[in-house]
Protein backbone atom coordinates (compact mmCIF):
# COMPACT_ATOMS: atom_id res chain seq x y z
CA UNK A 1 102.11 -127.39 119.64
CA UNK A 2 105.19 -125.82 121.19
CA UNK A 3 108.44 -125.60 119.30
CA UNK A 4 111.79 -126.56 120.74
CA UNK A 5 114.42 -123.86 120.45
CA UNK A 6 116.44 -125.74 117.81
CA UNK A 7 113.41 -125.71 115.50
CA UNK A 8 113.71 -121.94 115.28
CA UNK A 9 117.35 -122.05 114.17
CA UNK A 10 117.60 -121.12 110.49
CA UNK A 11 120.63 -123.38 110.06
CA UNK A 12 118.69 -126.38 111.42
CA UNK A 13 115.78 -125.58 109.10
CA UNK A 14 118.20 -125.38 106.16
CA UNK A 15 119.87 -128.67 107.07
CA UNK A 16 116.50 -130.36 107.47
CA UNK A 17 115.42 -129.19 104.01
CA UNK A 18 118.75 -130.32 102.56
CA UNK A 19 118.35 -133.78 104.11
CA UNK A 20 114.86 -134.11 102.63
CA UNK A 21 116.09 -133.05 99.20
CA UNK A 22 118.92 -135.58 99.33
CA UNK A 23 116.69 -138.41 100.52
CA UNK A 24 114.36 -137.80 97.60
CA UNK A 25 117.18 -137.35 95.10
CA UNK A 26 119.07 -140.49 96.14
CA UNK A 27 115.96 -142.60 95.46
CA UNK A 28 116.96 -142.25 91.81
CA UNK A 29 120.55 -143.49 92.31
CA UNK A 30 121.44 -146.95 90.96
CA UNK A 31 120.38 -149.80 93.23
CA UNK A 32 123.99 -150.94 93.64
CA UNK A 33 124.67 -147.67 95.49
CA UNK A 34 122.01 -148.34 98.14
CA UNK A 35 124.59 -149.50 100.70
CA UNK A 36 127.37 -147.31 99.37
CA UNK A 37 127.06 -143.72 98.32
CA UNK A 38 123.33 -143.42 99.08
CA UNK A 39 123.86 -144.59 102.64
CA UNK A 40 126.82 -142.25 103.13
CA UNK A 41 124.95 -139.24 101.75
CA UNK A 42 121.94 -139.88 103.93
CA UNK A 43 124.02 -140.42 107.08
CA UNK A 44 126.00 -137.23 106.47
CA UNK A 45 122.84 -135.21 105.86
CA UNK A 46 121.21 -136.50 109.04
CA UNK A 47 124.42 -135.96 111.01
CA UNK A 48 124.41 -132.24 110.18
CA UNK A 49 120.98 -131.57 111.63
CA UNK A 50 121.49 -134.01 114.53
CA UNK A 51 124.72 -132.34 115.66
CA UNK A 52 123.07 -128.93 115.50
CA UNK A 53 120.28 -130.18 117.77
CA UNK A 54 122.60 -131.94 120.19
CA UNK A 55 124.90 -128.94 120.40
CA UNK A 56 122.08 -126.50 120.97
CA UNK A 57 121.23 -128.26 124.24
CA UNK A 58 124.74 -128.41 125.67
CA UNK A 59 125.28 -126.31 128.75
CA UNK A 60 128.61 -124.70 127.84
CA UNK A 61 129.33 -122.58 124.80
CA UNK A 62 132.55 -124.55 124.31
CA UNK A 63 130.51 -127.74 123.89
CA UNK A 64 128.01 -125.94 121.67
CA UNK A 65 130.83 -124.71 119.41
CA UNK A 66 132.28 -128.23 119.28
CA UNK A 67 128.99 -129.71 118.05
CA UNK A 68 128.59 -126.95 115.45
CA UNK A 69 132.09 -127.86 114.24
CA UNK A 70 131.08 -131.52 114.00
CA UNK A 71 128.00 -130.48 112.01
CA UNK A 72 130.28 -128.44 109.73
CA UNK A 73 132.52 -131.48 109.22
CA UNK A 74 129.50 -133.61 108.28
CA UNK A 75 128.42 -130.89 105.87
CA UNK A 76 131.83 -130.95 104.17
CA UNK A 77 131.63 -134.76 103.93
CA UNK A 78 128.27 -134.26 102.27
CA UNK A 79 129.75 -131.79 99.79
CA UNK A 80 132.41 -134.34 98.85
CA UNK A 81 129.73 -136.98 98.33
CA UNK A 82 127.69 -134.61 96.17
CA UNK A 83 130.76 -133.87 94.04
CA UNK A 84 131.38 -137.60 93.60
CA UNK A 85 127.70 -138.08 92.70
CA UNK A 86 128.11 -135.50 89.95
CA UNK A 87 131.35 -137.13 88.76
CA UNK A 88 129.51 -140.45 88.48
CA UNK A 89 126.64 -138.69 86.67
CA UNK A 90 124.09 -139.68 89.32
CA UNK A 91 123.08 -136.02 89.50
CA UNK A 92 123.06 -133.43 86.75
CA UNK A 93 124.70 -130.01 86.67
CA UNK A 94 121.55 -128.18 87.76
CA UNK A 95 121.05 -130.48 90.76
CA UNK A 96 124.72 -130.14 91.65
CA UNK A 97 124.61 -126.34 91.58
CA UNK A 98 121.45 -126.27 93.70
CA UNK A 99 122.89 -128.69 96.27
CA UNK A 100 126.22 -126.90 96.42
CA UNK A 101 124.44 -123.59 96.97
CA UNK A 102 122.38 -125.07 99.82
CA UNK A 103 125.49 -126.57 101.40
CA UNK A 104 127.34 -123.27 101.13
CA UNK A 105 124.43 -121.40 102.70
CA UNK A 106 124.31 -123.84 105.62
CA UNK A 107 128.10 -123.81 106.03
CA UNK A 108 128.14 -120.02 106.36
CA UNK A 109 125.44 -120.14 109.04
CA UNK A 110 127.19 -122.95 110.91
CA UNK A 111 130.51 -121.10 110.86
CA UNK A 112 128.83 -117.97 112.21
CA UNK A 113 127.09 -119.89 114.97
CA UNK A 114 130.27 -121.71 115.94
CA UNK A 115 132.21 -118.43 116.02
CA UNK A 116 129.53 -116.86 118.19
CA UNK A 117 129.85 -119.66 120.74
CA UNK A 118 133.66 -119.54 120.64
CA UNK A 119 133.67 -115.79 121.31
CA UNK A 120 131.32 -116.20 124.24
CA UNK A 121 133.18 -118.89 126.16
CA UNK A 122 133.44 -117.87 129.76
CA UNK A 123 136.72 -118.71 131.47
CA UNK A 124 136.52 -120.96 134.48
CA UNK A 125 136.26 -119.01 137.69
CA UNK A 126 138.84 -119.83 140.31
CA UNK A 127 138.57 -119.17 144.01
C-alpha cells in the first residue's frame, strides 16, 4: 500500500499518536464531561492532524504556513484543555507531564514547518 506524503511527516505522526492517547485517556473522564471537556479535547486533537494534512496539500507555501499555524492554534487549545483536566483531577501528574511533553514536541515541529514555508514564499511575478 502506498503512503501519502503527509503520512511521512513526523509532526503528523506525533499528532496522530497524541490524538489516540487522548481518545483512550478521555474514556476515563466522568460521564458528565462527555459533551463538554471530552468533546473539546477530542476535537482539538483531531483538528491538529487534520490541519497538517490539509495544509500539506495546498499549492502555495503561504497557504501551507497558514494551515500549520491553525494546527498550532489547535495544539495550544489542546494544551489549555489538558491543563484544565489536571486542575479538575481528571488526569494525574504523570499523565499531565507526558501529554505536555508530547504537545511541546509537536509544537516545536509545527513551528519549524510553518517557518520553513514562510521563508520559502515566492513573491508574485508581475509582467
